[in-house]
Amino acid sequence: MKHSPDNENSYKSTSGIVLYNGDMKLLEPLQWLNDIIIEFYVELVVERSQINPLLPKVYAFNTNFFNKLRRNAASAMRWTMKVDLQSFDIILVPIHLPGHWALSIMDMRKKGVYYFYTMLGDGRDCLRELREFLVLESVAKRGEAFNTMDWTFLSVKTIPTQMNGPDCGVFLCRFAECIARDADTDFKAADMNEFRKKIVQGIKSGKLI
């Protein structure tokens, strides 16, 4: 994780992620979000589900997981050694592409893996990697291959699209926030500056409002 300069004030998440004043400035309009902001906010999304029994049970990988999976699947498997993924309803997978952020969702209830990319790429490679991960993870944990035959692997097209380059990380956070409470993703690109303010509020208060 790389922090931005101007590190006077700080905010610390439950797991120990620290955001400094320089990081918070990236939440101003037309700034690119870094991995630390995204991990901090997604952690707040997960914590909301933990304290509200009416919400889906949510697990989130960190922003390094997917690239690690691509480079060395066996090594990435160690990240879930103590986690039973099938005990969760929704699994969030932030994906850091070259110059862009995307989000994948594993919905264990609907038997679906969904790819949210605001530039509307097909996500075929990402979906294939996650399919293979589910199979390998099941073999490692249960001694049997995960049956993906009745699962859906889909790049979602009916989503808001970006109006600029820097908002991709904000879209990721917004998708995660909505999906983790089974809400529609019917927001607009024009809402992103307002949502940046909500991310700031959540970080400063330590909870989602």
Protein backbone atom coordinates (compact mmCIF):
# COMPACT_ATOMS: atom_id res chain seq x y z
CA MET A 1 0.00 0.00 0.00
CA LYS A 2 1.31 3.39 -0.93
CA HIS A 3 0.27 6.46 1.02
CA SER A 4 -0.10 9.91 -0.45
CA PRO A 5 1.97 12.75 1.03
CA ASP A 6 0.80 15.14 3.76
CA ASN A 7 0.56 12.56 6.52
CA GLU A 8 -0.47 14.67 9.51
CA ASN A 9 -3.92 13.43 10.52
CA SER A 10 -4.86 9.77 10.41
CA TYR A 11 -7.86 7.44 10.60
CA LYS A 12 -7.52 3.80 11.59
CA SER A 13 -9.84 0.94 10.68
CA THR A 14 -10.71 -1.98 12.94
CA SER A 15 -8.15 -4.19 11.20
CA GLY A 16 -5.45 -1.53 11.43
CA ILE A 17 -5.61 0.10 8.00
CA VAL A 18 -4.41 3.70 8.39
CA LEU A 19 -5.47 6.60 6.19
CA TYR A 20 -3.59 9.88 6.37
CA ASN A 21 -4.61 13.38 5.37
CA GLY A 22 -2.87 12.96 2.03
CA ASP A 23 -4.95 9.87 1.32
CA MET A 24 -8.15 11.70 2.24
CA LYS A 25 -7.37 14.38 -0.35
CA LEU A 26 -7.79 11.68 -2.98
CA LEU A 27 -11.50 11.73 -2.15
CA GLU A 28 -11.81 15.19 -3.62
CA PRO A 29 -13.41 15.38 -7.11
CA LEU A 30 -11.45 13.98 -10.06
CA GLN A 31 -8.81 12.28 -7.90
CA TRP A 32 -7.89 8.61 -8.28
CA LEU A 33 -8.61 6.51 -5.19
CA ASN A 34 -5.71 4.41 -3.93
CA ASP A 35 -5.89 0.86 -2.64
CA ILE A 36 -5.84 1.96 1.00
CA ILE A 37 -9.02 4.01 0.68
CA ILE A 38 -10.78 1.17 -1.10
CA GLU A 39 -9.75 -1.42 1.48
CA PHE A 40 -10.77 0.86 4.35
CA TYR A 41 -14.19 1.53 2.86
CA VAL A 42 -14.87 -2.08 1.89
CA GLU A 43 -14.00 -3.05 5.46
CA LEU A 44 -16.74 -0.68 6.63
CA VAL A 45 -19.15 -2.42 4.26
CA VAL A 46 -18.25 -5.81 5.76
CA GLU A 47 -18.57 -4.50 9.32
CA ARG A 48 -22.04 -3.16 8.59
CA SER A 49 -23.15 -6.65 7.60
CA GLN A 50 -21.59 -8.12 10.74
CA ILE A 51 -23.61 -5.92 13.09
CA ASN A 52 -26.90 -6.10 11.18
CA PRO A 53 -28.36 -9.63 11.05
CA LEU A 54 -30.90 -8.53 8.44
CA LEU A 55 -28.17 -7.94 5.88
CA PRO A 56 -26.36 -10.60 3.83
CA LYS A 57 -23.21 -12.10 5.33
CA VAL A 58 -20.34 -10.46 3.49
CA TYR A 59 -16.67 -11.33 3.09
CA ALA A 60 -14.16 -9.21 1.17
CA PHE A 61 -10.76 -9.96 -0.28
CA ASN A 62 -8.19 -7.20 -0.20
CA THR A 63 -7.04 -5.37 -3.30
CA ASN A 64 -3.95 -7.56 -3.76
CA PHE A 65 -5.79 -10.87 -3.85
CA PHE A 66 -6.84 -11.03 -7.48
CA ASN A 67 -3.45 -10.12 -8.93
CA LYS A 68 -1.89 -12.65 -6.58
CA LEU A 69 -4.36 -15.23 -7.83
CA ARG A 70 -3.37 -14.51 -11.41
CA ARG A 71 0.34 -14.86 -10.70
CA ASN A 72 0.23 -17.87 -8.39
CA ALA A 73 -3.08 -19.53 -7.64
CA ALA A 74 -1.56 -21.94 -5.11
CA SER A 75 -0.11 -19.06 -3.12
CA ALA A 76 -3.40 -17.15 -3.21
CA MET A 77 -5.15 -20.20 -1.75
CA ARG A 78 -3.35 -19.59 1.53
CA TRP A 79 -5.43 -16.44 2.01
CA THR A 80 -8.56 -18.52 2.57
CA MET A 81 -7.10 -21.34 4.66
CA LYS A 82 -9.05 -20.22 7.72
CA VAL A 83 -12.08 -18.88 5.86
CA ASP A 84 -15.11 -20.91 4.81
CA LEU A 85 -16.23 -18.94 1.77
CA GLN A 86 -19.37 -21.01 1.40
CA SER A 87 -20.59 -19.77 4.80
CA PHE A 88 -21.01 -16.27 3.35
CA ASP A 89 -23.78 -14.90 1.14
CA ILE A 90 -21.69 -12.38 -0.79
CA ILE A 91 -17.97 -12.22 -1.44
CA LEU A 92 -16.46 -8.97 -2.71
CA VAL A 93 -13.39 -9.14 -4.94
CA PRO A 94 -11.83 -5.74 -5.73
CA ILE A 95 -9.84 -5.98 -8.95
CA HIS A 96 -6.96 -3.65 -9.77
CA LEU A 97 -6.44 -3.53 -13.52
CA PRO A 98 -3.78 -1.40 -15.22
CA GLY A 99 -5.08 2.13 -14.71
CA HIS A 100 -8.50 1.05 -13.57
CA TRP A 101 -10.55 -0.52 -10.76
CA ALA A 102 -13.28 -3.12 -11.21
CA LEU A 103 -15.29 -5.28 -8.82
CA SER A 104 -16.36 -8.89 -8.93
CA ILE A 105 -19.08 -10.37 -6.75
CA MET A 106 -19.52 -13.99 -5.78
CA ASP A 107 -23.14 -14.50 -4.73
CA MET A 108 -23.24 -17.87 -3.04
CA ARG A 109 -27.04 -17.75 -2.71
CA LYS A 110 -27.70 -17.14 -6.40
CA LYS A 111 -24.80 -19.31 -7.54
CA GLY A 112 -23.34 -16.50 -9.57
CA VAL A 113 -20.09 -14.65 -10.12
CA TYR A 114 -20.62 -11.17 -11.52
CA TYR A 115 -18.15 -8.68 -12.95
CA PHE A 116 -18.74 -4.93 -12.65
CA TYR A 117 -16.55 -2.85 -14.94
CA THR A 118 -17.67 0.70 -15.65
CA MET A 119 -15.89 0.80 -19.01
CA LEU A 120 -18.05 -2.20 -19.98
CA GLY A 121 -15.25 -4.67 -20.71
CA ASP A 122 -16.30 -8.31 -20.97
CA GLY A 123 -14.28 -9.48 -17.94
CA ARG A 124 -13.86 -12.91 -19.49
CA ASP A 125 -10.38 -13.49 -18.11
CA CYS A 126 -11.33 -12.34 -14.61
CA LEU A 127 -14.41 -14.55 -14.53
CA ARG A 128 -12.37 -17.55 -15.69
CA GLU A 129 -9.77 -16.95 -12.97
CA LEU A 130 -12.47 -16.80 -10.30
CA ARG A 131 -14.16 -19.93 -11.62
CA GLU A 132 -10.87 -21.81 -11.36
CA PHE A 133 -10.30 -20.39 -7.90
CA LEU A 134 -13.65 -21.72 -6.65
CA VAL A 135 -12.77 -25.17 -7.96
CA LEU A 136 -9.28 -25.19 -6.42
CA GLU A 137 -10.52 -23.79 -3.13
CA SER A 138 -13.16 -26.49 -2.84
CA VAL A 139 -10.64 -29.25 -3.60
CA ALA A 140 -8.28 -27.88 -0.94
CA LYS A 141 -10.99 -27.49 1.70
CA ARG A 142 -13.39 -30.34 0.97
CA GLY A 143 -11.43 -32.76 -1.16
CA GLU A 144 -13.86 -32.38 -4.05
CA ALA A 145 -14.18 -30.07 -7.03
CA PHE A 146 -16.63 -27.20 -6.82
CA ASN A 147 -19.49 -27.84 -9.25
CA THR A 148 -19.72 -24.73 -11.41
CA MET A 149 -22.02 -26.26 -14.03
CA ASP A 150 -25.14 -24.67 -12.56
CA TRP A 151 -23.42 -21.35 -11.80
CA THR A 152 -23.68 -18.12 -13.75
CA PHE A 153 -20.51 -16.22 -14.69
CA LEU A 154 -21.55 -12.86 -16.07
CA SER A 155 -20.12 -9.45 -16.92
CA VAL A 156 -22.95 -7.11 -15.91
CA LYS A 157 -23.82 -4.57 -18.62
CA THR A 158 -26.87 -2.89 -17.07
CA ILE A 159 -24.82 -0.68 -14.77
CA PRO A 160 -23.89 3.01 -14.65
CA THR A 161 -20.85 3.90 -16.73
CA GLN A 162 -18.12 6.41 -16.01
CA MET A 163 -18.00 9.94 -17.31
CA ASN A 164 -14.28 10.30 -16.53
CA GLY A 165 -11.19 8.25 -15.70
CA PRO A 166 -10.62 8.92 -11.99
CA ASP A 167 -14.01 7.77 -10.66
CA CYS A 168 -13.46 4.03 -11.17
CA GLY A 169 -12.50 3.42 -7.53
CA VAL A 170 -15.53 5.40 -6.35
CA PHE A 171 -17.75 3.24 -8.53
CA LEU A 172 -16.17 0.13 -6.99
CA CYS A 173 -17.02 1.37 -3.49
CA ARG A 174 -20.56 2.29 -4.52
CA PHE A 175 -21.18 -1.08 -6.15
CA ALA A 176 -19.88 -2.86 -3.05
CA GLU A 177 -22.03 -0.74 -0.73
CA CYS A 178 -25.21 -1.39 -2.72
CA ILE A 179 -24.71 -5.07 -3.44
CA ALA A 180 -23.75 -5.86 0.16
CA ARG A 181 -27.26 -4.81 1.25
CA ASP A 182 -29.04 -6.30 -1.78
CA ALA A 183 -29.83 -2.84 -3.16
CA ASP A 184 -30.13 -1.90 -6.82
CA THR A 185 -27.16 -0.30 -8.53
CA ASP A 186 -29.31 2.34 -10.17
CA PHE A 187 -27.20 5.35 -9.23
CA LYS A 188 -25.72 7.71 -11.82
CA ALA A 189 -22.21 8.81 -12.72
CA ALA A 190 -23.25 12.33 -11.77
CA ASP A 191 -23.70 11.10 -8.17
CA MET A 192 -20.03 10.25 -7.70
CA ASN A 193 -18.89 13.54 -6.16
CA GLU A 194 -21.65 13.27 -3.57
CA PHE A 195 -20.69 9.68 -2.88
CA ARG A 196 -17.07 10.73 -2.39
CA LYS A 197 -18.36 12.88 0.49
CA LYS A 198 -20.17 9.87 1.95
CA ILE A 199 -16.98 7.83 1.81
CA VAL A 200 -15.25 10.59 3.77
CA GLN A 201 -18.07 10.59 6.34
CA GLY A 202 -17.84 6.84 6.74
CA ILE A 203 -14.08 6.87 7.21
CA LYS A 204 -14.18 9.68 9.76
CA SER A 205 -17.06 8.17 11.75
CA GLY A 206 -15.79 4.60 11.48
CA LYS A 207 -19.14 3.34 10.20
CA LEU A 208 -21.46 3.62 7.25
CA ILE A 209 -24.26 6.13 7.63
